[in-house]
Every structure is written in C-alpha cells, then in structure tokens.
Amino acid sequence: MLDLLRSVDALALSSIGQGEAAPVTVMEAMACGLPVICSRIGGTGDMIRDGVDGFLVPQGDVAAIVDRLRRLQSDPEFAGAMGQAARQSALVSFDHQTNARLLLSRIAEAQK
C-alpha cells in the first residue's frame, strides 16, 4: 500500500453513507504527504482542515471532486504545500504513541 500511495499525487475518497469514524486510508495518505479529497463522512471533518491539509466535499458531489483535483493539478506548488500540511497533521494527530501517552495521561488524571 505504501508503494501505491507514494506513486500518486493525491487521494480521493468519495464515500457515501455513514462511513467510518476515522478512515485509515485518509490517515495513511496524509502520513505519506498526499493532499486528500474526501467526502464529508464519519469523522473526516475532524481529520481534515478543508483547504489546508486536504479538501472536504459533499457526498456524491462529483463536480466538487473534479474541481479540487483540477485545482491540485493546476497548481503544483499549492498541492505540495497541502501535502506537507497533511503530513504534519498526520504526525501530530494520528501518531499511535502520542495518542497512547495522551490517553494514559487522561486516565491517570481521572483517577486522582
């Protein structure tokens, strides 16, 4: 999967329905430094800052997906900056060791 993600310029996840809370595919793509175009579904609104480290589009809105892909294609500098922002967001928000330490800290505080 890592080789596949490294071979593309962006990831589009056009899910419809309720979706999963935090799509792992989105986390993996962001960690690889890819701009993500994703349906507003499940917890994607908590994962992606629209226009900063990815794009959020309404479910089923093919025109919005095409528009965002064209924007990334027409402005490689913007796409690169968005990919870098996505990577930084992934490192801060999705790192399992950081999240485990935070969880342990909150459990310890709740037990006091």
Protein backbone atom coordinates (compact mmCIF):
# COMPACT_ATOMS: atom_id res chain seq x y z
CA MET A 1 0.00 0.00 0.00
CA LEU A 2 2.84 2.37 0.84
CA ASP A 3 4.39 1.95 -2.62
CA LEU A 4 1.00 2.66 -4.21
CA LEU A 5 0.45 5.82 -2.15
CA ARG A 6 3.96 7.02 -2.99
CA SER A 7 3.20 6.64 -6.70
CA VAL A 8 0.24 9.06 -6.80
CA ASP A 9 -0.18 12.82 -6.42
CA ALA A 10 -3.37 12.87 -4.34
CA LEU A 11 -6.02 10.60 -2.84
CA ALA A 12 -9.74 10.90 -3.49
CA LEU A 13 -12.01 9.02 -1.09
CA SER A 14 -15.54 9.50 -2.35
CA SER A 15 -17.51 7.53 0.23
CA ILE A 16 -21.28 7.66 0.52
CA GLY A 17 -23.32 6.74 3.59
CA GLN A 18 -22.37 6.85 7.25
CA GLY A 19 -18.72 5.90 6.80
CA GLU A 20 -16.21 5.00 9.43
CA ALA A 21 -15.24 7.29 12.27
CA ALA A 22 -11.68 7.89 11.03
CA PRO A 23 -10.86 6.26 7.69
CA VAL A 24 -7.43 4.66 7.92
CA THR A 25 -6.91 5.30 4.20
CA VAL A 26 -7.09 9.04 4.89
CA MET A 27 -4.56 8.75 7.72
CA GLU A 28 -2.18 6.73 5.55
CA ALA A 29 -2.41 9.13 2.63
CA MET A 30 -1.86 12.16 4.83
CA ALA A 31 1.11 10.48 6.51
CA CYS A 32 2.58 9.97 3.04
CA GLY A 33 2.25 13.69 2.36
CA LEU A 34 -0.65 13.46 -0.05
CA PRO A 35 -3.40 16.02 -0.38
CA VAL A 36 -6.70 14.24 0.29
CA ILE A 37 -10.04 14.94 -1.31
CA CYS A 38 -12.62 13.28 0.89
CA SER A 39 -16.38 13.14 1.31
CA ARG A 40 -17.76 14.68 4.47
CA ILE A 41 -18.50 11.38 6.13
CA GLY A 42 -17.95 9.90 9.56
CA GLY A 43 -15.13 11.72 11.31
CA THR A 44 -13.44 13.17 8.23
CA GLY A 45 -14.41 16.67 9.30
CA ASP A 46 -12.29 16.17 12.43
CA MET A 47 -9.34 14.81 10.42
CA ILE A 48 -9.08 17.28 7.55
CA ARG A 49 -8.87 21.06 7.66
CA ASP A 50 -10.64 21.93 4.43
CA GLY A 51 -8.35 23.82 2.08
CA VAL A 52 -5.34 23.46 4.40
CA ASP A 53 -4.29 19.80 4.56
CA GLY A 54 -6.97 18.38 2.27
CA PHE A 55 -10.39 19.04 0.86
CA LEU A 56 -13.80 18.02 2.18
CA VAL A 57 -16.61 17.69 -0.35
CA PRO A 58 -20.29 16.82 -0.01
CA GLN A 59 -21.14 13.18 -0.50
CA GLY A 60 -21.90 12.34 -4.11
CA ASP A 61 -20.68 15.72 -5.44
CA VAL A 62 -18.63 14.58 -8.43
CA ALA A 63 -18.24 18.15 -9.71
CA ALA A 64 -16.63 19.19 -6.40
CA ILE A 65 -14.18 16.28 -6.57
CA VAL A 66 -13.25 17.17 -10.15
CA ASP A 67 -12.87 20.84 -9.18
CA ARG A 68 -10.48 20.01 -6.31
CA LEU A 69 -8.46 17.60 -8.48
CA ARG A 70 -8.12 20.28 -11.14
CA ARG A 71 -7.02 22.82 -8.54
CA LEU A 72 -4.27 20.48 -7.33
CA GLN A 73 -3.21 19.64 -10.88
CA SER A 74 -3.11 23.27 -12.00
CA ASP A 75 -1.11 24.50 -9.00
CA PRO A 76 1.67 22.02 -8.11
CA GLU A 77 3.12 24.44 -5.55
CA PHE A 78 -0.21 24.60 -3.69
CA ALA A 79 -0.59 20.82 -3.95
CA GLY A 80 2.90 20.34 -2.49
CA ALA A 81 2.19 22.72 0.39
CA MET A 82 -1.11 20.97 1.09
CA GLY A 83 0.67 17.60 1.07
CA GLN A 84 3.26 18.89 3.55
CA ALA A 85 0.48 20.24 5.78
CA ALA A 86 -1.26 16.86 5.56
CA ARG A 87 1.90 15.08 6.68
CA GLN A 88 2.35 17.42 9.63
CA SER A 89 -1.28 16.96 10.65
CA ALA A 90 -0.85 13.19 10.47
CA LEU A 91 2.28 13.29 12.62
CA VAL A 92 0.52 15.39 15.26
CA SER A 93 -2.93 13.83 15.21
CA PHE A 94 -2.55 10.20 14.15
CA ASP A 95 0.65 9.01 15.82
CA HIS A 96 -0.29 6.00 17.95
CA GLN A 97 2.47 6.56 20.52
CA THR A 98 1.49 10.19 21.06
CA ASN A 99 -2.18 9.25 21.34
CA ALA A 100 -1.41 6.40 23.76
CA ARG A 101 0.57 8.76 26.03
CA LEU A 102 -2.28 11.28 25.93
CA LEU A 103 -4.83 8.60 26.79
CA LEU A 104 -2.74 7.30 29.69
CA SER A 105 -2.30 10.82 30.99
CA ARG A 106 -6.03 11.49 30.89
CA ILE A 107 -6.80 8.17 32.62
CA ALA A 108 -4.28 8.99 35.36
CA GLU A 109 -5.83 12.43 35.87
CA ALA A 110 -9.34 10.97 36.03
CA GLN A 111 -8.24 8.53 38.74
CA LYS A 112 -6.97 11.29 41.04
